[in-house]
C-alpha atoms as a PDB file:
ATOM      1  CA  UNK A   1     -64.169 -66.107 -17.511  1.00  0.00           C
ATOM      2  CA  UNK A   2     -65.955 -64.566 -14.766  1.00  0.00           C
ATOM      3  CA  UNK A   3     -63.519 -63.221 -11.174  1.00  0.00           C
ATOM      4  CA  UNK A   4     -65.472 -62.938  -7.824  1.00  0.00           C
ATOM      5  CA  UNK A   5     -63.906 -61.429  -4.875  1.00  0.00           C
ATOM      6  CA  UNK A   6     -65.137 -62.649  -1.016  1.00  0.00           C
ATOM      7  CA  UNK A   7     -63.162 -61.720   2.020  1.00  0.00           C
ATOM      8  CA  UNK A   8     -62.244 -64.751   3.152  1.00  0.00           C
ATOM      9  CA  UNK A   9     -61.904 -68.134   2.287  1.00  0.00           C
ATOM     10  CA  UNK A  10     -65.324 -68.728   4.283  1.00  0.00           C
ATOM     11  CA  UNK A  11     -67.189 -66.434   2.310  1.00  0.00           C
ATOM     12  CA  UNK A  12     -65.722 -68.132  -1.036  1.00  0.00           C
ATOM     13  CA  UNK A  13     -66.476 -71.330   0.068  1.00  0.00           C
ATOM     14  CA  UNK A  14     -69.908 -70.281   0.487  1.00  0.00           C
ATOM     15  CA  UNK A  15     -70.204 -68.940  -2.611  1.00  0.00           C
ATOM     16  CA  UNK A  16     -68.989 -71.775  -4.419  1.00  0.00           C
ATOM     17  CA  UNK A  17     -70.971 -74.015  -2.879  1.00  0.00           C
ATOM     18  CA  UNK A  18     -74.679 -71.682  -2.986  1.00  0.00           C
ATOM     19  CA  UNK A  19     -74.163 -71.646  -7.291  1.00  0.00           C
ATOM     20  CA  UNK A  20     -72.697 -74.806  -7.986  1.00  0.00           C
ATOM     21  CA  UNK A  21     -74.759 -76.720  -5.872  1.00  0.00           C
ATOM     22  CA  UNK A  22     -78.013 -74.968  -7.876  1.00  0.00           C
ATOM     23  CA  UNK A  23     -75.941 -76.498 -10.991  1.00  0.00           C
ATOM     24  CA  UNK A  24     -76.582 -79.590  -9.960  1.00  0.00           C
ATOM     25  CA  UNK A  25     -80.209 -79.489  -8.789  1.00  0.00           C
ATOM     26  CA  UNK A  26     -80.367 -77.274 -12.503  1.00  0.00           C
ATOM     27  CA  UNK A  27     -78.250 -80.757 -14.219  1.00  0.00           C
ATOM     28  CA  UNK A  28     -80.338 -83.275 -12.382  1.00  0.00           C
ATOM     29  CA  UNK A  29     -83.840 -81.483 -13.363  1.00  0.00           C
ATOM     30  CA  UNK A  30     -83.042 -80.632 -17.113  1.00  0.00           C
ATOM     31  CA  UNK A  31     -81.657 -84.751 -17.608  1.00  0.00           C
ATOM     32  CA  UNK A  32     -81.552 -86.209 -14.484  1.00  0.00           C
ATOM     33  CA  UNK A  33     -78.850 -86.603 -13.714  1.00  0.00           C
ATOM     34  CA  UNK A  34     -75.750 -84.264 -12.634  1.00  0.00           C
ATOM     35  CA  UNK A  35     -71.597 -84.944 -13.639  1.00  0.00           C
ATOM     36  CA  UNK A  36     -69.246 -83.753 -11.115  1.00  0.00           C
ATOM     37  CA  UNK A  37     -64.860 -83.499 -10.876  1.00  0.00           C
ATOM     38  CA  UNK A  38     -63.990 -82.860  -7.585  1.00  0.00           C
ATOM     39  CA  UNK A  39     -60.668 -80.972  -6.533  1.00  0.00           C
ATOM     40  CA  UNK A  40     -58.305 -81.855  -3.506  1.00  0.00           C
ATOM     41  CA  UNK A  41     -56.175 -79.044  -1.304  1.00  0.00           C
ATOM     42  CA  UNK A  42     -56.398 -76.540   0.910  1.00  0.00           C
ATOM     43  CA  UNK A  43     -58.709 -74.683  -1.838  1.00  0.00           C
ATOM     44  CA  UNK A  44     -61.514 -76.618  -1.262  1.00  0.00           C
ATOM     45  CA  UNK A  45     -62.182 -77.154   2.722  1.00  0.00           C
ATOM     46  CA  UNK A  46     -64.636 -74.400   3.070  1.00  0.00           C
ATOM     47  CA  UNK A  47     -66.148 -75.181  -0.676  1.00  0.00           C
ATOM     48  CA  UNK A  48     -66.431 -78.959   0.137  1.00  0.00           C
ATOM     49  CA  UNK A  49     -67.670 -77.968   3.616  1.00  0.00           C
ATOM     50  CA  UNK A  50     -70.667 -76.418   2.533  1.00  0.00           C
ATOM     51  CA  UNK A  51     -71.279 -78.209  -1.084  1.00  0.00           C
ATOM     52  CA  UNK A  52     -71.767 -81.696   1.335  1.00  0.00           C
ATOM     53  CA  UNK A  53     -74.713 -79.384   3.253  1.00  0.00           C
ATOM     54  CA  UNK A  54     -76.256 -77.600   0.340  1.00  0.00           C
ATOM     55  CA  UNK A  55     -80.579 -78.162   0.395  1.00  0.00           C
ATOM     56  CA  UNK A  56     -82.570 -79.980  -2.321  1.00  0.00           C
ATOM     57  CA  UNK A  57     -79.483 -82.022  -3.812  1.00  0.00           C
ATOM     58  CA  UNK A  58     -80.831 -86.114  -4.875  1.00  0.00           C
ATOM     59  CA  UNK A  59     -77.611 -86.834  -4.418  1.00  0.00           C
ATOM     60  CA  UNK A  60     -78.205 -90.737  -5.569  1.00  0.00           C
ATOM     61  CA  UNK A  61     -78.260 -88.957  -9.798  1.00  0.00           C
ATOM     62  CA  UNK A  62     -74.765 -87.479  -8.953  1.00  0.00           C
ATOM     63  CA  UNK A  63     -71.913 -89.304 -10.613  1.00  0.00           C
ATOM     64  CA  UNK A  64     -68.198 -88.000  -9.031  1.00  0.00           C
ATOM     65  CA  UNK A  65     -65.174 -87.848 -10.913  1.00  0.00           C
ATOM     66  CA  UNK A  66     -61.753 -87.448  -9.226  1.00  0.00           C
ATOM     67  CA  UNK A  67     -59.318 -84.135 -10.812  1.00  0.00           C
ATOM     68  CA  UNK A  68     -55.769 -86.479  -9.535  1.00  0.00           C
ATOM     69  CA  UNK A  69     -53.711 -88.035  -7.252  1.00  0.00           C
ATOM     70  CA  UNK A  70     -50.407 -89.070  -6.391  1.00  0.00           C
ATOM     71  CA  UNK A  71     -48.615 -91.995  -8.250  1.00  0.00           C
ATOM     72  CA  UNK A  72     -48.048 -94.122  -5.373  1.00  0.00           C
ATOM     73  CA  UNK A  73     -49.757 -92.932  -2.205  1.00  0.00           C
ATOM     74  CA  UNK A  74     -52.137 -95.166  -0.898  1.00  0.00           C
ATOM     75  CA  UNK A  75     -55.662 -94.213   0.508  1.00  0.00           C
ATOM     76  CA  UNK A  76     -54.435 -94.032   4.168  1.00  0.00           C
ATOM     77  CA  UNK A  77     -51.817 -92.461   2.901  1.00  0.00           C
ATOM     78  CA  UNK A  78     -51.803 -88.600   5.291  1.00  0.00           C
ATOM     79  CA  UNK A  79     -51.371 -86.388   1.806  1.00  0.00           C
ATOM     80  CA  UNK A  80     -53.804 -89.058  -0.626  1.00  0.00           C
ATOM     81  CA  UNK A  81     -56.487 -87.209  -2.402  1.00  0.00           C
ATOM     82  CA  UNK A  82     -58.700 -90.682  -2.312  1.00  0.00           C
ATOM     83  CA  UNK A  83     -59.009 -90.060   1.663  1.00  0.00           C
ATOM     84  CA  UNK A  84     -59.312 -86.722   1.058  1.00  0.00           C
ATOM     85  CA  UNK A  85     -62.527 -87.178  -0.418  1.00  0.00           C
ATOM     86  CA  UNK A  86     -63.958 -89.727   0.823  1.00  0.00           C
ATOM     87  CA  UNK A  87     -63.427 -87.936   4.197  1.00  0.00           C
ATOM     88  CA  UNK A  88     -64.819 -84.620   3.242  1.00  0.00           C
ATOM     89  CA  UNK A  89     -67.115 -85.840   0.360  1.00  0.00           C
ATOM     90  CA  UNK A  90     -68.166 -89.131  -0.585  1.00  0.00           C
ATOM     91  CA  UNK A  91     -68.980 -90.198   3.015  1.00  0.00           C
ATOM     92  CA  UNK A  92     -71.435 -87.070   3.636  1.00  0.00           C
ATOM     93  CA  UNK A  93     -73.627 -87.409   0.341  1.00  0.00           C
ATOM     94  CA  UNK A  94     -75.071 -90.636  -0.856  1.00  0.00           C
ATOM     95  CA  UNK A  95     -73.471 -90.847  -4.598  1.00  0.00           C
ATOM     96  CA  UNK A  96     -75.115 -92.611  -7.493  1.00  0.00           C
ATOM     97  CA  UNK A  97     -70.816 -93.314  -8.419  1.00  0.00           C
ATOM     98  CA  UNK A  98     -67.772 -91.566  -7.194  1.00  0.00           C
ATOM     99  CA  UNK A  99     -64.739 -92.550  -9.682  1.00  0.00           C
ATOM    100  CA  UNK A 100     -61.704 -92.499  -7.970  1.00  0.00           C
ATOM    101  CA  UNK A 101     -57.603 -92.194  -8.907  1.00  0.00           C
ATOM    102  CA  UNK A 102     -56.096 -95.038  -7.161  1.00  0.00           C
ATOM    103  CA  UNK A 103     -52.316 -93.769  -6.033  1.00  0.00           C
ATOM    104  CA  UNK A 104     -51.996 -97.270  -5.048  1.00  0.00           C
ATOM    105  CA  UNK A 105     -52.527 -99.054  -8.120  1.00  0.00           C
ATOM    106  CA  UNK A 106     -51.042 -99.029 -11.466  1.00  0.00           C
ATOM    107  CA  UNK A 107     -50.951 -95.307 -13.338  1.00  0.00           C
ATOM    108  CA  UNK A 108     -51.572 -96.193 -16.882  1.00  0.00           C
ATOM    109  CA  UNK A 109     -54.526 -99.026 -15.773  1.00  0.00           C
ATOM    110  CA  UNK A 110     -56.382 -95.932 -14.274  1.00  0.00           C
ATOM    111  CA  UNK A 111     -56.158 -93.958 -15.931  1.00  0.00           C
ATOM    112  CA  UNK A 112     -57.581 -95.699 -19.052  1.00  0.00           C
ATOM    113  CA  UNK A 113     -59.769 -97.036 -16.925  1.00  0.00           C
ATOM    114  CA  UNK A 114     -61.506 -93.773 -15.410  1.00  0.00           C
ATOM    115  CA  UNK A 115     -60.202 -91.979 -18.328  1.00  0.00           C
ATOM    116  CA  UNK A 116     -62.393 -94.180 -20.631  1.00  0.00           C
ATOM    117  CA  UNK A 117     -65.421 -93.060 -18.096  1.00  0.00           C
ATOM    118  CA  UNK A 118     -64.936 -89.480 -17.912  1.00  0.00           C
ATOM    119  CA  UNK A 119     -64.791 -89.211 -22.024  1.00  0.00           C
ATOM    120  CA  UNK A 120     -67.930 -91.505 -22.280  1.00  0.00           C
ATOM    121  CA  UNK A 121     -69.107 -89.192 -19.464  1.00  0.00           C
ATOM    122  CA  UNK A 122     -71.328 -85.404 -20.263  1.00  0.00           C
ATOM    123  CA  UNK A 123     -70.072 -83.347 -16.815  1.00  0.00           C
ATOM    124  CA  UNK A 124     -71.555 -80.958 -16.154  1.00  0.00           C
ATOM    125  CA  UNK A 125     -69.340 -78.649 -13.019  1.00  0.00           C
ATOM    126  CA  UNK A 126     -65.956 -78.672 -12.188  1.00  0.00           C
ATOM    127  CA  UNK A 127     -64.384 -78.218  -8.906  1.00  0.00           C
ATOM    128  CA  UNK A 128     -60.897 -76.993  -9.467  1.00  0.00           C
ATOM    129  CA  UNK A 129     -57.763 -74.761  -8.032  1.00  0.00           C
ATOM    130  CA  UNK A 130     -54.907 -73.186  -9.052  1.00  0.00           C
ATOM    131  CA  UNK A 131     -51.582 -73.964  -7.545  1.00  0.00           C
ATOM    132  CA  UNK A 132     -48.796 -71.079  -6.524  1.00  0.00           C
ATOM    133  CA  UNK A 133     -46.830 -71.566  -9.631  1.00  0.00           C
ATOM    134  CA  UNK A 134     -50.233 -71.836 -11.780  1.00  0.00           C
ATOM    135  CA  UNK A 135     -50.812 -75.153 -12.478  1.00  0.00           C
ATOM    136  CA  UNK A 136     -54.303 -76.724 -12.870  1.00  0.00           C
ATOM    137  CA  UNK A 137     -54.754 -79.848 -11.550  1.00  0.00           C
ATOM    138  CA  UNK A 138     -51.363 -81.416 -11.636  1.00  0.00           C
ATOM    139  CA  UNK A 139     -50.594 -79.797 -15.169  1.00  0.00           C
ATOM    140  CA  UNK A 140     -46.933 -77.819 -13.905  1.00  0.00           C
ATOM    141  CA  UNK A 141     -45.817 -75.863 -16.403  1.00  0.00           C
ATOM    142  CA  UNK A 142     -45.365 -75.517 -18.982  1.00  0.00           C
ATOM    143  CA  UNK A 143     -48.770 -77.725 -19.155  1.00  0.00           C
ATOM    144  CA  UNK A 144     -49.940 -79.885 -22.585  1.00  0.00           C
ATOM    145  CA  UNK A 145     -52.798 -77.792 -23.728  1.00  0.00           C
ATOM    146  CA  UNK A 146     -53.149 -79.913 -26.839  1.00  0.00           C
ATOM    147  CA  UNK A 147     -53.586 -83.489 -25.707  1.00  0.00           C
ATOM    148  CA  UNK A 148     -57.045 -84.631 -26.409  1.00  0.00           C
ATOM    149  CA  UNK A 149     -56.108 -87.537 -23.348  1.00  0.00           C
ATOM    150  CA  UNK A 150     -58.669 -87.484 -20.865  1.00  0.00           C
ATOM    151  CA  UNK A 151     -55.644 -87.713 -18.053  1.00  0.00           C
ATOM    152  CA  UNK A 152     -52.125 -87.653 -17.733  1.00  0.00           C
ATOM    153  CA  UNK A 153     -49.373 -89.315 -15.605  1.00  0.00           C
ATOM    154  CA  UNK A 154     -47.211 -86.046 -14.634  1.00  0.00           C
ATOM    155  CA  UNK A 155     -44.121 -85.146 -13.540  1.00  0.00           C
ATOM    156  CA  UNK A 156     -44.183 -82.513 -10.463  1.00  0.00           C
ATOM    157  CA  UNK A 157     -41.894 -79.598 -10.665  1.00  0.00           C
ATOM    158  CA  UNK A 158     -40.337 -78.637  -7.493  1.00  0.00           C
ATOM    159  CA  UNK A 159     -42.592 -75.763  -6.492  1.00  0.00           C
ATOM    160  CA  UNK A 160     -45.591 -77.915  -6.653  1.00  0.00           C
ATOM    161  CA  UNK A 161     -44.081 -80.498  -4.775  1.00  0.00           C
ATOM    162  CA  UNK A 162     -42.474 -77.664  -2.033  1.00  0.00           C
ATOM    163  CA  UNK A 163     -46.250 -76.758  -1.964  1.00  0.00           C
ATOM    164  CA  UNK A 164     -47.446 -79.515  -0.713  1.00  0.00           C
ATOM    165  CA  UNK A 165     -44.983 -79.590   1.884  1.00  0.00           C
ATOM    166  CA  UNK A 166     -45.260 -75.829   2.972  1.00  0.00           C
ATOM    167  CA  UNK A 167     -48.952 -76.720   2.905  1.00  0.00           C
ATOM    168  CA  UNK A 168     -47.987 -79.369   5.551  1.00  0.00           C
ATOM    169  CA  UNK A 169     -49.187 -83.127   3.474  1.00  0.00           C
ATOM    170  CA  UNK A 170     -45.594 -83.672   3.578  1.00  0.00           C
ATOM    171  CA  UNK A 171     -42.779 -83.282   5.887  1.00  0.00           C
ATOM    172  CA  UNK A 172     -39.982 -82.835   3.605  1.00  0.00           C
ATOM    173  CA  UNK A 173     -39.944 -82.448  -0.668  1.00  0.00           C
ATOM    174  CA  UNK A 174     -37.607 -85.968  -0.746  1.00  0.00           C
ATOM    175  CA  UNK A 175     -41.132 -87.708   0.539  1.00  0.00           C
ATOM    176  CA  UNK A 176     -43.568 -86.385  -1.843  1.00  0.00           C
ATOM    177  CA  UNK A 177     -44.230 -87.979  -5.133  1.00  0.00           C
ATOM    178  CA  UNK A 178     -42.331 -87.077  -8.734  1.00  0.00           C
ATOM    179  CA  UNK A 179     -45.046 -88.322 -10.042  1.00  0.00           C
ATOM    180  CA  UNK A 180     -49.326 -87.695 -10.210  1.00  0.00           C
ATOM    181  CA  UNK A 181     -52.512 -88.508 -12.504  1.00  0.00           C
ATOM    182  CA  UNK A 182     -54.097 -85.736 -13.609  1.00  0.00           C
ATOM    183  CA  UNK A 183     -56.737 -84.746 -15.236  1.00  0.00           C
ATOM    184  CA  UNK A 184     -55.585 -83.041 -18.458  1.00  0.00           C
ATOM    185  CA  UNK A 185     -56.354 -79.417 -19.465  1.00  0.00           C
ATOM    186  CA  UNK A 186     -58.819 -79.847 -22.201  1.00  0.00           C
ATOM    187  CA  UNK A 187     -60.592 -82.481 -20.261  1.00  0.00           C
ATOM    188  CA  UNK A 188     -61.079 -80.523 -17.342  1.00  0.00           C
ATOM    189  CA  UNK A 189     -62.094 -77.626 -19.659  1.00  0.00           C
ATOM    190  CA  UNK A 190     -64.547 -79.807 -21.290  1.00  0.00           C
ATOM    191  CA  UNK A 191     -66.896 -79.299 -18.871  1.00  0.00           C
ATOM    192  CA  UNK A 192     -70.209 -76.913 -18.916  1.00  0.00           C
ATOM    193  CA  UNK A 193     -69.090 -74.729 -15.533  1.00  0.00           C
ATOM    194  CA  UNK A 194     -66.241 -74.602 -14.044  1.00  0.00           C
ATOM    195  CA  UNK A 195     -65.596 -72.897 -10.577  1.00  0.00           C
ATOM    196  CA  UNK A 196     -62.004 -72.225 -10.331  1.00  0.00           C
ATOM    197  CA  UNK A 197     -61.659 -71.441  -6.012  1.00  0.00           C
ATOM    198  CA  UNK A 198     -58.240 -69.257  -5.117  1.00  0.00           C
ATOM    199  CA  UNK A 199     -57.418 -68.431  -0.667  1.00  0.00           C
ATOM    200  CA  UNK A 200     -54.340 -67.616   0.856  1.00  0.00           C
ATOM    201  CA  UNK A 201     -51.878 -65.073  -0.264  1.00  0.00           C
ATOM    202  CA  UNK A 202     -49.148 -67.658  -1.412  1.00  0.00           C
ATOM    203  CA  UNK A 203     -51.341 -67.625  -4.002  1.00  0.00           C
ATOM    204  CA  UNK A 204     -51.328 -64.460  -5.019  1.00  0.00           C
ATOM    205  CA  UNK A 205     -48.706 -64.102  -7.564  1.00  0.00           C
ATOM    206  CA  UNK A 206     -50.663 -67.499  -9.758  1.00  0.00           C
ATOM    207  CA  UNK A 207     -53.838 -65.436  -9.377  1.00  0.00           C
ATOM    208  CA  UNK A 208     -51.832 -62.252 -10.757  1.00  0.00           C
ATOM    209  CA  UNK A 209     -50.453 -64.389 -13.708  1.00  0.00           C
ATOM    210  CA  UNK A 210     -54.059 -65.927 -14.657  1.00  0.00           C
ATOM    211  CA  UNK A 211     -56.284 -63.079 -14.992  1.00  0.00           C
ATOM    212  CA  UNK A 212     -53.054 -60.036 -16.740  1.00  0.00           C
ATOM    213  CA  UNK A 213     -49.915 -62.431 -18.337  1.00  0.00           C
ATOM    214  CA  UNK A 214     -50.878 -63.715 -21.818  1.00  0.00           C
ATOM    215  CA  UNK A 215     -53.004 -66.825 -21.926  1.00  0.00           C
ATOM    216  CA  UNK A 216     -49.822 -69.600 -21.906  1.00  0.00           C
ATOM    217  CA  UNK A 217     -48.744 -73.054 -21.058  1.00  0.00           C
ATOM    218  CA  UNK A 218     -46.174 -70.688 -19.137  1.00  0.00           C
ATOM    219  CA  UNK A 219     -49.697 -70.113 -16.877  1.00  0.00           C
ATOM    220  CA  UNK A 220     -51.429 -72.966 -17.237  1.00  0.00           C
ATOM    221  CA  UNK A 221     -54.301 -72.116 -15.060  1.00  0.00           C
ATOM    222  CA  UNK A 222     -54.807 -68.921 -17.809  1.00  0.00           C
ATOM    223  CA  UNK A 223     -56.764 -71.310 -20.391  1.00  0.00           C
ATOM    224  CA  UNK A 224     -60.166 -70.548 -18.356  1.00  0.00           C
ATOM    225  CA  UNK A 225     -60.368 -67.560 -19.487  1.00  0.00           C
ATOM    226  CA  UNK A 226     -60.364 -68.994 -22.363  1.00  0.00           C
ATOM    227  CA  UNK A 227     -63.682 -70.821 -20.867  1.00  0.00           C
ATOM    228  CA  UNK A 228     -67.327 -69.861 -21.964  1.00  0.00           C
ATOM    229  CA  UNK A 229     -68.789 -70.624 -18.273  1.00  0.00           C
ATOM    230  CA  UNK A 230     -65.589 -70.045 -16.231  1.00  0.00           C
ATOM    231  CA  UNK A 231     -65.529 -68.479 -12.637  1.00  0.00           C
ATOM    232  CA  UNK A 232     -62.490 -67.721 -10.393  1.00  0.00           C
ATOM    233  CA  UNK A 233     -63.332 -67.142  -7.407  1.00  0.00           C
ATOM    234  CA  UNK A 234     -60.759 -65.602  -5.006  1.00  0.00           C
ATOM    235  CA  UNK A 235     -60.458 -64.028  -1.285  1.00  0.00           C
ATOM    236  CA  UNK A 236     -58.673 -60.572  -0.182  1.00  0.00           C
ATOM    237  CA  UNK A 237     -55.745 -62.250   0.319  1.00  0.00           C
ATOM    238  CA  UNK A 238     -55.148 -64.250  -3.153  1.00  0.00           C
ATOM    239  CA  UNK A 239     -56.195 -60.861  -4.896  1.00  0.00           C
ATOM    240  CA  UNK A 240     -53.981 -58.624  -3.525  1.00  0.00           C
ATOM    241  CA  UNK A 241     -51.302 -58.976  -6.245  1.00  0.00           C
ATOM    242  CA  UNK A 242     -53.465 -58.151  -9.000  1.00  0.00           C
ATOM    243  CA  UNK A 243     -53.691 -54.358 -10.742  1.00  0.00           C
ATOM    244  CA  UNK A 244     -55.677 -51.590  -8.564  1.00  0.00           C
ATOM    245  CA  UNK A 245     -57.952 -50.762 -12.178  1.00  0.00           C
ATOM    246  CA  UNK A 246     -58.846 -54.782 -12.579  1.00  0.00           C
ATOM    247  CA  UNK A 247     -59.734 -55.184  -8.833  1.00  0.00           C
ATOM    248  CA  UNK A 248     -62.251 -52.710  -8.980  1.00  0.00           C
ATOM    249  CA  UNK A 249     -63.995 -53.838 -11.770  1.00  0.00           C
ATOM    250  CA  UNK A 250     -64.435 -57.507  -9.895  1.00  0.00           C
ATOM    251  CA  UNK A 251     -67.477 -58.663  -9.002  1.00  0.00           C
ATOM    252  CA  UNK A 252     -68.738 -58.843  -5.157  1.00  0.00           C
ATOM    253  CA  UNK A 253     -69.013 -62.792  -3.440  1.00  0.00           C
ATOM    254  CA  UNK A 254     -71.061 -60.692  -0.393  1.00  0.00           C
END
């Protein structure tokens, strides 16, 4: 896995968007279309802000897939990832289609229908992040590294739910859903390229574990080290707990 060090979230987002845009243009040139997986959360604010402004992408040839969503949350809820993606991405570009994971519908129906679509698609690019507990999508530790199901209904652990409160999406732990729809780890790894964006000191321990600990379901994001075209893009704050030796070897995103 390639790791890029940037100064701040803005620089991180600009770097990821520039390279993601290039990959989308290349996929469209090579095969006439592109399939993109899109994440949400604070890690993607700057990425999506820059990506929707990227030049020369024929968005009408791009199909988007939703990474994860809370069970029981309607799209007009302030924490809805459907609402987030519509506001920050889908409404800004003329996509061929975007396949939402509707949190207000029966989750088993949603994972079957969208799972069939993503399973039949060649995913060119996935934009993801890492949780404070090291989760990848909503695959909290210990994550399932084996299932080939494209989407799962997963239970959210308390650290994951507290992160949502800490980031201001919910008022209290009690108001955070206990379950979510999540793209599986193995489905994420099927993307030809993965950009994992991680800003903020709150993620520093998760970044350290992802880079330095044994690859394990206990650190779900560590599996990205096994992907041939995964790039972890972090800012200085998120890099604050990795070893000095490793930090000295990181590529600069300036």
